[in-house]
Each structure stands twice: as C-alpha cells, then as structure tokens.
Amino acid sequence: MKFFLKKKINYGFSLVDMIVSVTAFTFFIVLMVGGSFALHKHFEDIKLLLVENDKITSFVEQIQSDILNVNLYPRMPEKEYLFEINKISFFSNDIKVEYLFEEEAFIIKKGEKTNKYPFVKDFTIKYYDIDDILTNKYPYYCILYFTLKNKKNVELKMIL
C-alpha cells in the first residue's frame, strides 16, 4: 500500500491556482461589464448630440428660408415692421415673421405658428445703411448674430 501512495500524482488544482484563476476571471468580467457601460453611455451622448445638431440644422434652414424670401416690394405698411436690437418683424413669403429673444430662448413667430429654440443663448441685430434722405426709414440690410449653446456663432445677412 505504501508503494501505491508514493506513486499517486495529484492532477487537481491547488488552492493558490484556484484563487489566481478566479481573481483573473473576475477582473476580466468586471472589465468587460465596465467597458460595455462606458460604450453605452458614450453612444447615448452621441445620440443626444446628433439630435441637437438636427435641431440646430432645422433652425438655421428655417431662418435662411425666411431671409432669402423677404418681401422687398411691394412693402407692407411701415407700422408692421419692427427694427430693434434683439427683435425684428418683417414679411417673408407674404407672412409676417417675428424674431425675438426673451427668457433665455429664441422665438420665431411665423403667422400663427410659434417655435422656441432654447439652444440659442444670445441674439442681436446690427442694421446698416438707413436711408433718411428718401424718407425711407427701412435699413438696407441687417446682420443677425446668433450665439448657440455650444459656443458657436452664426452670422446671417438679410436684405430688408
């Protein structure tokens, strides 16, 4: 019997081997789960950024549509127009359009429809070439300055 006990070889894992392998496997699982959470959060941030960029794009397209289709002639009654630093009223495609900035949001009123854009942080207008000689109180053109939430500045020129 002694001979048999001496020749027996232990093919099992030792306790140290088990602890090392379980620790390595646990570390690998934690690393994979943490990486998947980080990727998920990153993809959610990208999705939100894409949605915000789509809103900004539609906002700029709407303003460019208004700017390119301003009613120059015949002009509507002068009392219908408003030229202030952060508010303007004009006609585009025979519809009264009003741009104004209040309550930390940019507002576009087009006919009966009103849209608010909270991602616009500042809005100012500069008017140029006001013709007082011909008793025309309208500026020749203006530049609309928009400051967006992401610190980008947009400048658009509009002939009045």
N, C-alpha and C. Protein backbone atom coordinates (compact mmCIF):
# COMPACT_ATOMS: atom_id res chain seq x y z
N MET A 1 0.80 -1.18 0.00
CA MET A 1 0.00 0.00 0.00
C MET A 1 0.85 1.25 0.00
N LYS A 2 2.00 1.20 0.69
CA LYS A 2 2.85 2.36 0.69
C LYS A 2 3.34 2.67 -0.70
N PHE A 3 3.58 1.66 -1.44
CA PHE A 3 4.06 1.86 -2.81
C PHE A 3 3.02 2.60 -3.66
N PHE A 4 1.78 2.25 -3.47
CA PHE A 4 0.70 2.88 -4.22
C PHE A 4 0.55 4.35 -3.85
N LEU A 5 0.69 4.72 -2.60
CA LEU A 5 0.55 6.11 -2.17
C LEU A 5 1.69 6.97 -2.68
N LYS A 6 2.88 6.39 -2.79
CA LYS A 6 4.01 7.17 -3.28
C LYS A 6 3.87 7.48 -4.76
N LYS A 7 3.29 6.62 -5.52
CA LYS A 7 3.19 6.80 -6.96
C LYS A 7 1.99 7.66 -7.37
N LYS A 8 1.08 7.96 -6.47
CA LYS A 8 -0.12 8.70 -6.83
C LYS A 8 0.27 10.15 -7.15
N ILE A 9 -0.21 10.67 -8.30
CA ILE A 9 0.07 12.04 -8.73
C ILE A 9 -1.24 12.82 -8.61
N ASN A 10 -1.14 14.04 -8.07
CA ASN A 10 -2.32 14.88 -7.90
C ASN A 10 -2.47 15.73 -9.15
N TYR A 11 -3.52 15.48 -9.95
CA TYR A 11 -3.77 16.26 -11.16
C TYR A 11 -4.74 17.43 -10.92
N GLY A 12 -5.22 17.66 -9.76
CA GLY A 12 -6.16 18.73 -9.46
C GLY A 12 -5.44 20.07 -9.29
N PHE A 13 -6.24 21.11 -9.18
CA PHE A 13 -5.68 22.45 -8.95
C PHE A 13 -5.39 22.63 -7.48
N SER A 14 -4.33 23.36 -7.24
CA SER A 14 -4.05 23.70 -5.85
C SER A 14 -4.91 24.91 -5.48
N LEU A 15 -4.96 25.21 -4.22
CA LEU A 15 -5.76 26.33 -3.74
C LEU A 15 -5.25 27.66 -4.31
N VAL A 16 -3.96 27.82 -4.43
CA VAL A 16 -3.38 29.05 -4.98
C VAL A 16 -3.76 29.19 -6.45
N ASP A 17 -3.69 28.12 -7.21
CA ASP A 17 -4.09 28.17 -8.62
C ASP A 17 -5.55 28.56 -8.76
N MET A 18 -6.40 28.05 -7.91
CA MET A 18 -7.83 28.39 -7.96
C MET A 18 -8.05 29.87 -7.66
N ILE A 19 -7.38 30.39 -6.63
CA ILE A 19 -7.55 31.80 -6.26
C ILE A 19 -7.08 32.71 -7.38
N VAL A 20 -5.95 32.41 -7.98
CA VAL A 20 -5.41 33.23 -9.06
C VAL A 20 -6.33 33.19 -10.28
N SER A 21 -6.80 32.03 -10.66
CA SER A 21 -7.65 31.94 -11.85
C SER A 21 -9.02 32.61 -11.61
N VAL A 22 -9.62 32.45 -10.45
CA VAL A 22 -10.90 33.10 -10.15
C VAL A 22 -10.73 34.62 -10.11
N THR A 23 -9.64 35.10 -9.53
CA THR A 23 -9.38 36.54 -9.48
C THR A 23 -9.19 37.10 -10.89
N ALA A 24 -8.43 36.42 -11.72
CA ALA A 24 -8.22 36.88 -13.09
C ALA A 24 -9.53 36.88 -13.88
N PHE A 25 -10.31 35.83 -13.73
CA PHE A 25 -11.59 35.75 -14.44
C PHE A 25 -12.55 36.84 -13.94
N THR A 26 -12.60 37.08 -12.64
CA THR A 26 -13.45 38.14 -12.08
C THR A 26 -13.01 39.51 -12.60
N PHE A 27 -11.71 39.76 -12.62
CA PHE A 27 -11.20 41.02 -13.15
C PHE A 27 -11.59 41.19 -14.62
N PHE A 28 -11.49 40.12 -15.39
CA PHE A 28 -11.86 40.17 -16.81
C PHE A 28 -13.36 40.48 -16.98
N ILE A 29 -14.21 39.84 -16.18
CA ILE A 29 -15.65 40.08 -16.26
C ILE A 29 -15.97 41.53 -15.87
N VAL A 30 -15.37 42.03 -14.79
CA VAL A 30 -15.60 43.42 -14.37
C VAL A 30 -15.14 44.38 -15.45
N LEU A 31 -14.02 44.09 -16.07
CA LEU A 31 -13.50 44.93 -17.16
C LEU A 31 -14.46 44.94 -18.35
N MET A 32 -15.00 43.82 -18.72
CA MET A 32 -15.93 43.74 -19.85
C MET A 32 -17.25 44.47 -19.53
N VAL A 33 -17.79 44.28 -18.34
CA VAL A 33 -19.04 44.94 -17.97
C VAL A 33 -18.84 46.45 -17.88
N GLY A 34 -17.75 46.88 -17.27
CA GLY A 34 -17.46 48.32 -17.20
C GLY A 34 -17.26 48.93 -18.57
N GLY A 35 -16.57 48.22 -19.44
CA GLY A 35 -16.39 48.70 -20.82
C GLY A 35 -17.70 48.81 -21.57
N SER A 36 -18.58 47.84 -21.36
CA SER A 36 -19.88 47.91 -22.06
C SER A 36 -20.72 49.07 -21.54
N PHE A 37 -20.67 49.34 -20.22
CA PHE A 37 -21.39 50.51 -19.69
C PHE A 37 -20.81 51.81 -20.24
N ALA A 38 -19.49 51.89 -20.33
CA ALA A 38 -18.85 53.11 -20.86
C ALA A 38 -19.23 53.30 -22.33
N LEU A 39 -19.23 52.24 -23.11
CA LEU A 39 -19.63 52.35 -24.52
C LEU A 39 -21.10 52.76 -24.65
N HIS A 40 -21.95 52.19 -23.82
CA HIS A 40 -23.37 52.54 -23.86
C HIS A 40 -23.57 54.02 -23.54
N LYS A 41 -22.89 54.52 -22.51
CA LYS A 41 -23.01 55.94 -22.16
C LYS A 41 -22.48 56.81 -23.29
N HIS A 42 -21.37 56.42 -23.89
CA HIS A 42 -20.80 57.19 -24.99
C HIS A 42 -21.76 57.23 -26.18
N PHE A 43 -22.38 56.11 -26.51
CA PHE A 43 -23.33 56.08 -27.62
C PHE A 43 -24.57 56.92 -27.32
N GLU A 44 -25.03 56.93 -26.07
CA GLU A 44 -26.16 57.78 -25.69
C GLU A 44 -25.80 59.26 -25.85
N ASP A 45 -24.58 59.63 -25.45
CA ASP A 45 -24.14 61.02 -25.62
C ASP A 45 -24.08 61.40 -27.09
N ILE A 46 -23.59 60.50 -27.92
CA ILE A 46 -23.52 60.77 -29.36
C ILE A 46 -24.93 60.92 -29.93
N LYS A 47 -25.86 60.08 -29.49
CA LYS A 47 -27.24 60.17 -29.98
C LYS A 47 -27.87 61.51 -29.60
N LEU A 48 -27.66 61.96 -28.36
CA LEU A 48 -28.18 63.26 -27.94
C LEU A 48 -27.55 64.40 -28.73
N LEU A 49 -26.25 64.28 -29.01
CA LEU A 49 -25.57 65.31 -29.79
C LEU A 49 -26.11 65.36 -31.21
N LEU A 50 -26.39 64.20 -31.80
CA LEU A 50 -26.95 64.18 -33.15
C LEU A 50 -28.35 64.80 -33.19
N VAL A 51 -29.15 64.53 -32.17
CA VAL A 51 -30.49 65.13 -32.11
C VAL A 51 -30.38 66.64 -31.99
N GLU A 52 -29.45 67.12 -31.15
CA GLU A 52 -29.27 68.57 -31.00
C GLU A 52 -28.77 69.19 -32.30
N ASN A 53 -27.86 68.51 -32.99
CA ASN A 53 -27.37 69.03 -34.27
C ASN A 53 -28.48 69.08 -35.31
N ASP A 54 -29.39 68.11 -35.29
CA ASP A 54 -30.53 68.14 -36.21
C ASP A 54 -31.43 69.33 -35.92
N LYS A 55 -31.64 69.63 -34.63
CA LYS A 55 -32.45 70.79 -34.27
C LYS A 55 -31.79 72.08 -34.73
N ILE A 56 -30.48 72.19 -34.55
CA ILE A 56 -29.76 73.40 -34.98
C ILE A 56 -29.83 73.53 -36.49
N THR A 57 -29.69 72.42 -37.21
CA THR A 57 -29.75 72.46 -38.67
C THR A 57 -31.13 72.91 -39.14
N SER A 58 -32.19 72.37 -38.55
CA SER A 58 -33.54 72.79 -38.97
C SER A 58 -33.78 74.26 -38.62
N PHE A 59 -33.24 74.72 -37.50
CA PHE A 59 -33.36 76.12 -37.10
C PHE A 59 -32.69 77.04 -38.13
N VAL A 60 -31.46 76.72 -38.50
CA VAL A 60 -30.73 77.55 -39.48
C VAL A 60 -31.40 77.48 -40.85
N GLU A 61 -31.90 76.32 -41.25
CA GLU A 61 -32.60 76.21 -42.53
C GLU A 61 -33.87 77.06 -42.54
N GLN A 62 -34.61 77.09 -41.45
CA GLN A 62 -35.82 77.90 -41.38
C GLN A 62 -35.48 79.38 -41.49
N ILE A 63 -34.45 79.81 -40.79
CA ILE A 63 -34.07 81.22 -40.84
C ILE A 63 -33.57 81.59 -42.23
N GLN A 64 -32.77 80.72 -42.84
CA GLN A 64 -32.29 81.01 -44.19
C GLN A 64 -33.44 81.08 -45.18
N SER A 65 -34.44 80.24 -45.01
CA SER A 65 -35.62 80.30 -45.88
C SER A 65 -36.33 81.64 -45.73
N ASP A 66 -36.47 82.11 -44.50
CA ASP A 66 -37.10 83.42 -44.28
C ASP A 66 -36.26 84.55 -44.87
N ILE A 67 -34.96 84.47 -44.66
CA ILE A 67 -34.07 85.54 -45.11
C ILE A 67 -34.03 85.63 -46.63
N LEU A 68 -34.04 84.50 -47.29
CA LEU A 68 -33.94 84.50 -48.76
C LEU A 68 -35.25 84.87 -49.43
N ASN A 69 -36.36 84.86 -48.71
CA ASN A 69 -37.66 85.15 -49.30
C ASN A 69 -38.33 86.37 -48.69
N VAL A 70 -37.53 87.36 -48.31
CA VAL A 70 -38.08 88.58 -47.71
C VAL A 70 -38.86 89.34 -48.76
N ASN A 71 -40.04 89.87 -48.37
CA ASN A 71 -40.84 90.70 -49.28
C ASN A 71 -40.19 92.08 -49.38
N LEU A 72 -39.52 92.36 -50.48
CA LEU A 72 -38.92 93.67 -50.67
C LEU A 72 -39.91 94.64 -51.29
N TYR A 73 -40.62 94.21 -52.30
CA TYR A 73 -41.61 95.06 -52.99
C TYR A 73 -42.83 94.20 -53.32
N PRO A 74 -44.01 94.66 -53.19
CA PRO A 74 -44.39 95.91 -52.52
C PRO A 74 -44.25 95.75 -51.02
N ARG A 75 -43.93 96.82 -50.35
CA ARG A 75 -43.74 96.77 -48.90
C ARG A 75 -45.09 96.81 -48.18
N MET A 76 -45.12 96.13 -47.07
CA MET A 76 -46.29 96.18 -46.20
C MET A 76 -46.29 97.53 -45.47
N PRO A 77 -47.35 97.87 -44.75
CA PRO A 77 -47.37 99.14 -44.02
C PRO A 77 -46.20 99.24 -43.03
N GLU A 78 -45.67 100.45 -42.90
CA GLU A 78 -44.47 100.65 -42.08
C GLU A 78 -44.68 100.25 -40.63
N LYS A 79 -45.88 100.41 -40.10
CA LYS A 79 -46.13 100.08 -38.70
C LYS A 79 -46.02 98.57 -38.44
N GLU A 80 -46.06 97.77 -39.49
CA GLU A 80 -45.94 96.32 -39.33
C GLU A 80 -44.49 95.88 -39.14
N TYR A 81 -43.54 96.75 -39.48
CA TYR A 81 -42.13 96.40 -39.36
C TYR A 81 -41.61 96.86 -38.01
N LEU A 82 -40.68 96.13 -37.46
CA LEU A 82 -40.08 96.48 -36.19
C LEU A 82 -38.59 96.20 -36.29
N PHE A 83 -37.77 97.20 -35.99
CA PHE A 83 -36.32 97.05 -36.07
C PHE A 83 -35.71 97.43 -34.72
N GLU A 84 -35.42 96.45 -33.91
CA GLU A 84 -34.77 96.66 -32.62
C GLU A 84 -33.52 95.81 -32.55
N ILE A 85 -32.79 95.94 -31.44
CA ILE A 85 -31.51 95.23 -31.33
C ILE A 85 -31.70 93.73 -31.20
N ASN A 86 -32.73 93.29 -30.47
CA ASN A 86 -32.93 91.85 -30.29
C ASN A 86 -34.32 91.39 -30.74
N LYS A 87 -34.96 92.20 -31.58
CA LYS A 87 -36.29 91.85 -32.06
C LYS A 87 -36.47 92.46 -33.45
N ILE A 88 -37.02 91.68 -34.37
CA ILE A 88 -37.25 92.18 -35.72
C ILE A 88 -38.55 91.59 -36.24
N SER A 89 -39.33 92.40 -36.93
CA SER A 89 -40.55 91.94 -37.60
C SER A 89 -40.43 92.30 -39.07
N PHE A 90 -40.73 91.34 -39.92
CA PHE A 90 -40.68 91.57 -41.36
C PHE A 90 -41.63 90.58 -42.03
N PHE A 91 -41.74 90.69 -43.34
CA PHE A 91 -42.61 89.79 -44.09
C PHE A 91 -41.76 88.91 -44.99
N SER A 92 -42.07 87.63 -44.98
CA SER A 92 -41.39 86.65 -45.82
C SER A 92 -42.46 85.76 -46.43
N ASN A 93 -42.46 85.66 -47.75
CA ASN A 93 -43.49 84.89 -48.45
C ASN A 93 -44.89 85.35 -48.05
N ASP A 94 -45.07 86.66 -47.93
CA ASP A 94 -46.35 87.29 -47.58
C ASP A 94 -46.89 86.87 -46.22
N ILE A 95 -46.02 86.39 -45.35
CA ILE A 95 -46.39 86.03 -43.98
C ILE A 95 -45.55 86.87 -43.03
N LYS A 96 -46.19 87.41 -42.00
CA LYS A 96 -45.44 88.20 -41.03
C LYS A 96 -44.58 87.27 -40.18
N VAL A 97 -43.29 87.62 -40.09
CA VAL A 97 -42.33 86.83 -39.33
C VAL A 97 -41.74 87.74 -38.25
N GLU A 98 -41.61 87.19 -37.06
CA GLU A 98 -41.02 87.96 -35.97
C GLU A 98 -39.96 87.09 -35.28
N TYR A 99 -38.76 87.66 -35.14
CA TYR A 99 -37.69 87.01 -34.39
C TYR A 99 -37.49 87.81 -33.11
N LEU A 100 -37.46 87.13 -31.98
CA LEU A 100 -37.17 87.82 -30.74
C LEU A 100 -36.48 86.89 -29.76
N PHE A 101 -35.75 87.49 -28.85
CA PHE A 101 -35.01 86.73 -27.85
C PHE A 101 -35.50 87.16 -26.47
N GLU A 102 -36.08 86.22 -25.74
CA GLU A 102 -36.54 86.51 -24.38
C GLU A 102 -36.57 85.22 -23.59
N GLU A 103 -36.42 85.37 -22.29
CA GLU A 103 -36.48 84.24 -21.36
C GLU A 103 -35.51 83.12 -21.73
N GLU A 104 -34.31 83.49 -22.10
CA GLU A 104 -33.27 82.51 -22.43
C GLU A 104 -33.66 81.57 -23.57
N ALA A 105 -34.48 82.05 -24.47
CA ALA A 105 -34.86 81.25 -25.64
C ALA A 105 -35.10 82.18 -26.82
N PHE A 106 -34.76 81.69 -27.99
CA PHE A 106 -35.02 82.43 -29.22
C PHE A 106 -36.38 81.99 -29.74
N ILE A 107 -37.22 82.96 -30.10
CA ILE A 107 -38.59 82.65 -30.52
C ILE A 107 -38.80 83.14 -31.95
N ILE A 108 -39.36 82.27 -32.78
CA ILE A 108 -39.74 82.64 -34.14
C ILE A 108 -41.26 82.54 -34.22
N LYS A 109 -41.89 83.66 -34.52
CA LYS A 109 -43.33 83.69 -34.74
C LYS A 109 -43.55 83.89 -36.23
N LYS A 110 -44.15 82.91 -36.85
CA LYS A 110 -44.38 82.94 -38.29
C LYS A 110 -45.87 82.70 -38.51
N GLY A 111 -46.59 83.79 -38.78
CA GLY A 111 -48.04 83.67 -38.89
C GLY A 111 -48.62 83.29 -37.54
N GLU A 112 -49.33 82.19 -37.48
CA GLU A 112 -49.93 81.71 -36.23
C GLU A 112 -49.01 80.74 -35.50
N LYS A 113 -47.92 80.33 -36.14
CA LYS A 113 -47.05 79.31 -35.59
C LYS A 113 -45.92 79.96 -34.79
N THR A 114 -45.62 79.41 -33.62
CA THR A 114 -44.54 79.91 -32.76
C THR A 114 -43.61 78.76 -32.42
N ASN A 115 -42.31 78.97 -32.62
CA ASN A 115 -41.29 77.98 -32.28
C ASN A 115 -40.31 78.59 -31.30
N LYS A 116 -39.93 77.81 -30.27
CA LYS A 116 -38.92 78.25 -29.30
C LYS A 116 -37.68 77.40 -29.49
N TYR A 117 -36.52 78.07 -29.42
CA TYR A 117 -35.24 77.39 -29.56
C TYR A 117 -34.39 77.71 -28.34
N PRO A 118 -34.36 76.82 -27.34
CA PRO A 118 -33.61 77.12 -26.11
C PRO A 118 -32.09 77.01 -26.28
N PHE A 119 -31.61 76.42 -27.38
CA PHE A 119 -30.17 76.29 -27.55
C PHE A 119 -29.52 77.57 -28.05
N VAL A 120 -30.31 78.61 -28.36
CA VAL A 120 -29.75 79.91 -28.73
C VAL A 120 -29.57 80.71 -27.45
N LYS A 121 -28.32 81.06 -27.13
CA LYS A 121 -28.02 81.76 -25.89
C LYS A 121 -28.04 83.27 -26.03
N ASP A 122 -27.83 83.79 -27.24
CA ASP A 122 -27.85 85.24 -27.43
C ASP A 122 -28.23 85.54 -28.87
N PHE A 123 -28.89 86.67 -29.06
CA PHE A 123 -29.32 87.10 -30.38
C PHE A 123 -29.28 88.62 -30.43
N THR A 124 -28.55 89.15 -31.41
CA THR A 124 -28.52 90.60 -31.62
C THR A 124 -28.57 90.88 -33.12
N ILE A 125 -28.97 92.10 -33.44
CA ILE A 125 -29.09 92.52 -34.83
C ILE A 125 -28.35 93.84 -34.99
N LYS A 126 -27.61 93.97 -36.10
CA LYS A 126 -27.00 95.24 -36.47
C LYS A 126 -27.58 95.65 -37.81
N TYR A 127 -28.03 96.90 -37.88
CA TYR A 127 -28.64 97.43 -39.10
C TYR A 127 -27.64 98.34 -39.80
N TYR A 128 -27.72 98.36 -41.14
CA TYR A 128 -26.78 99.15 -41.93
C TYR A 128 -27.52 99.94 -43.01
N ASP A 129 -26.95 101.10 -43.32
CA ASP A 129 -27.39 101.96 -44.44
C ASP A 129 -28.86 102.35 -44.35
N ILE A 130 -29.22 103.01 -43.28
CA ILE A 130 -30.58 103.54 -43.17
C ILE A 130 -30.68 104.77 -44.05
N ASP A 131 -31.66 104.79 -44.92
CA ASP A 131 -31.81 105.86 -45.92
C ASP A 131 -32.81 106.90 -45.40
N ASP A 132 -32.29 107.96 -44.80
CA ASP A 132 -33.17 109.04 -44.31
C ASP A 132 -33.45 110.07 -45.38
N ILE A 133 -32.67 110.10 -46.44
CA ILE A 133 -32.82 111.13 -47.47
C ILE A 133 -34.14 110.95 -48.20
N LEU A 134 -34.47 109.74 -48.52
CA LEU A 134 -35.70 109.47 -49.28
C LEU A 134 -36.89 109.21 -48.35
N THR A 135 -36.75 109.61 -47.11
CA THR A 135 -37.77 109.39 -46.08
C THR A 135 -38.17 107.91 -45.96
N ASN A 136 -37.22 107.09 -46.24
CA ASN A 136 -37.42 105.65 -46.09
C ASN A 136 -36.76 105.24 -44.78
N LYS A 137 -37.52 104.83 -43.82
CA LYS A 137 -36.98 104.51 -42.51
C LYS A 137 -36.46 103.07 -42.43
N TYR A 138 -36.47 102.38 -43.53
CA TYR A 138 -36.03 100.99 -43.51
C TYR A 138 -34.52 100.92 -43.68
N PRO A 139 -33.85 100.08 -42.91
CA PRO A 139 -32.44 99.83 -43.18
C PRO A 139 -32.31 99.05 -44.49
N TYR A 140 -31.15 99.18 -45.12
CA TYR A 140 -30.94 98.47 -46.38
C TYR A 140 -30.72 96.98 -46.11
N TYR A 141 -29.93 96.68 -45.10
CA TYR A 141 -29.73 95.28 -44.73
C TYR A 141 -29.39 95.21 -43.25
N CYS A 142 -29.43 94.01 -42.73
CA CYS A 142 -29.03 93.79 -41.34
C CYS A 142 -28.27 92.47 -41.25
N ILE A 143 -27.52 92.35 -40.19
CA ILE A 143 -26.82 91.09 -39.92
C ILE A 143 -27.36 90.55 -38.60
N LEU A 144 -27.80 89.31 -38.65
CA LEU A 144 -28.34 88.63 -37.46
C LEU A 144 -27.21 87.82 -36.83
N TYR A 145 -26.95 88.06 -35.57
CA TYR A 145 -25.89 87.36 -34.83
C TYR A 145 -26.53 86.42 -33.82
N PHE A 146 -26.21 85.14 -33.94
CA PHE A 146 -26.71 84.12 -33.02
C PHE A 146 -25.53 83.50 -32.29
N THR A 147 -25.66 83.34 -30.98
CA THR A 147 -24.68 82.58 -30.20
C THR A 147 -25.40 81.35 -29.68
N LEU A 148 -24.88 80.18 -30.06
CA LEU A 148 -25.53 78.93 -29.69
C LEU A 148 -24.99 78.41 -28.37
N LYS A 149 -25.65 77.40 -27.84
CA LYS A 149 -25.28 76.83 -26.55
C LYS A 149 -23.87 76.23 -26.57
N ASN A 150 -23.46 75.71 -27.72
CA ASN A 150 -22.15 75.09 -27.83
C ASN A 150 -21.06 76.10 -28.18
N LYS A 151 -21.30 77.37 -27.91
CA LYS A 151 -20.35 78.49 -28.09
C LYS A 151 -20.06 78.81 -29.55
N LYS A 152 -20.83 78.29 -30.46
CA LYS A 152 -20.64 78.62 -31.88
C LYS A 152 -21.43 79.87 -32.20
N ASN A 153 -20.86 80.70 -33.08
CA ASN A 153 -21.52 81.92 -33.52
C ASN A 153 -21.97 81.76 -34.95
N VAL A 154 -23.18 82.21 -35.23
CA VAL A 154 -23.74 82.16 -36.58
C VAL A 154 -24.11 83.59 -36.96
N GLU A 155 -23.63 84.03 -38.13
CA GLU A 155 -23.96 85.36 -38.65
C GLU A 155 -24.68 85.19 -39.98
N LEU A 156 -25.84 85.82 -40.10
CA LEU A 156 -26.62 85.74 -41.33
C LEU A 156 -27.00 87.15 -41.77
N LYS A 157 -26.80 87.43 -43.05
CA LYS A 157 -27.10 88.75 -43.60
C LYS A 157 -28.47 88.70 -44.27
N MET A 158 -29.28 89.74 -44.01
CA MET A 158 -30.61 89.79 -44.58
C MET A 158 -30.84 91.17 -45.20
N ILE A 159 -31.22 91.20 -46.47
CA ILE A 159 -31.58 92.44 -47.14
C ILE A 159 -33.02 92.76 -46.77
N LEU A 160 -33.26 94.02 -46.41
CA LEU A 160 -34.60 94.40 -45.95
C LEU A 160 -35.32 95.22 -46.99
